[in-house]
Amino acid sequence: MGRVPTARNPLTRAFSRELRAARTKAGMTQEQLAYESGVHPTYVSQVERGLLSPTLTKLGAMARALGRPEPPAPPRGARSVSWPVSAAGKENT
């Protein structure tokens, strides 16, 4: 299964900005975030550039590494999940 470029997806671009803002606010490098969340530094870079969308498992690992709440598990049979995302650089409430 090949990877699909996601850079044109507005949600992916917004998430990418959020991830980078949270990482820099935490004072972490991409390498530190990768190590703490158990992913390769290239993966963090590609997610931050909007080239990849993280799986829920990897998203949860990165959120824990950044001290952020994990995304909720989707309800059984759900087609979408609502998860509040703040504007880049602003705190989630």
Protein backbone atom coordinates (compact mmCIF):
# COMPACT_ATOMS: atom_id res chain seq x y z
CA MET A 1 0.00 0.00 0.00
CA GLY A 2 1.57 3.30 -1.10
CA ARG A 3 1.48 6.57 0.73
CA VAL A 4 -0.86 9.20 -0.61
CA PRO A 5 0.40 12.80 -0.72
CA THR A 6 -1.74 14.84 1.66
CA ALA A 7 -0.24 18.34 1.38
CA ARG A 8 -3.34 19.68 -0.38
CA ASN A 9 -5.69 18.59 2.40
CA PRO A 10 -6.54 21.66 4.55
CA LEU A 11 -7.02 19.55 7.67
CA THR A 12 -3.59 17.96 7.21
CA ARG A 13 -1.98 21.37 6.72
CA ALA A 14 -3.70 22.71 9.86
CA PHE A 15 -2.62 19.68 11.89
CA SER A 16 0.94 20.02 10.59
CA ARG A 17 1.08 23.61 11.84
CA GLU A 18 -0.39 22.53 15.20
CA LEU A 19 2.17 19.77 15.64
CA ARG A 20 5.10 22.04 14.83
CA ALA A 21 3.79 24.78 17.15
CA ALA A 22 3.29 22.31 20.01
CA ARG A 23 6.74 20.80 19.47
CA THR A 24 8.54 24.14 19.40
CA LYS A 25 6.54 25.41 22.39
CA ALA A 26 7.67 22.29 24.27
CA GLY A 27 11.26 23.16 23.31
CA MET A 28 11.74 19.86 21.47
CA THR A 29 13.54 19.14 18.24
CA GLN A 30 12.03 16.81 15.66
CA GLU A 31 14.60 14.22 16.73
CA GLN A 32 13.59 14.51 20.40
CA LEU A 33 9.90 14.20 19.56
CA ALA A 34 10.63 11.19 17.38
CA TYR A 35 12.63 9.48 20.11
CA GLU A 36 10.04 10.17 22.81
CA SER A 37 7.17 8.94 20.65
CA GLY A 38 8.94 5.93 19.13
CA VAL A 39 8.88 7.05 15.51
CA HIS A 40 11.63 7.90 13.04
CA PRO A 41 12.70 11.57 12.80
CA THR A 42 11.87 11.49 9.07
CA TYR A 43 8.28 10.57 9.98
CA VAL A 44 7.95 13.63 12.25
CA SER A 45 9.39 15.82 9.49
CA GLN A 46 7.00 14.46 6.89
CA VAL A 47 3.99 14.90 9.19
CA GLU A 48 5.04 18.48 10.00
CA ARG A 49 5.36 19.25 6.28
CA GLY A 50 1.91 17.83 5.58
CA LEU A 51 3.25 14.97 3.47
CA LEU A 52 1.84 12.26 5.75
CA SER A 53 -1.15 11.97 8.04
CA PRO A 54 -0.24 10.12 11.24
CA THR A 55 -2.11 7.01 12.31
CA LEU A 56 -4.12 7.34 15.52
CA THR A 57 -1.53 5.21 17.30
CA LYS A 58 1.35 7.45 16.27
CA LEU A 59 -0.72 10.58 16.89
CA GLY A 60 -1.37 9.36 20.43
CA ALA A 61 2.33 8.65 20.98
CA MET A 62 3.31 12.13 19.77
CA ALA A 63 0.58 13.73 21.90
CA ARG A 64 1.86 11.92 25.02
CA ALA A 65 5.44 12.96 24.24
CA LEU A 66 4.27 16.58 24.01
CA GLY A 67 2.17 16.35 27.18
CA ARG A 68 -1.05 16.86 25.21
CA PRO A 69 -4.32 14.93 25.52
CA GLU A 70 -4.62 11.98 23.18
CA PRO A 71 -7.30 11.96 20.49
CA PRO A 72 -10.44 10.09 21.47
CA ALA A 73 -11.07 6.67 20.00
CA PRO A 74 -13.76 6.82 17.34
CA PRO A 75 -17.11 5.32 18.33
CA ARG A 76 -17.81 1.96 16.75
CA GLY A 77 -19.17 2.48 13.25
CA ALA A 78 -18.38 6.21 13.21
CA ARG A 79 -17.44 7.78 9.90
CA SER A 80 -15.78 10.81 11.48
CA VAL A 81 -14.53 11.98 14.86
CA SER A 82 -14.79 15.46 16.31
CA TRP A 83 -11.60 16.47 18.11
CA PRO A 84 -11.11 20.14 19.04
CA VAL A 85 -8.06 21.65 17.38
CA SER A 86 -6.93 25.13 18.33
CA ALA A 87 -5.41 27.71 16.05
CA ALA A 88 -1.62 27.33 15.79
CA GLY A 89 0.14 28.64 18.86
CA LYS A 90 -2.99 28.81 21.03
CA GLU A 91 -3.83 26.49 23.91
CA ASN A 92 -6.52 23.82 23.57
CA THR A 93 -9.19 24.24 26.21
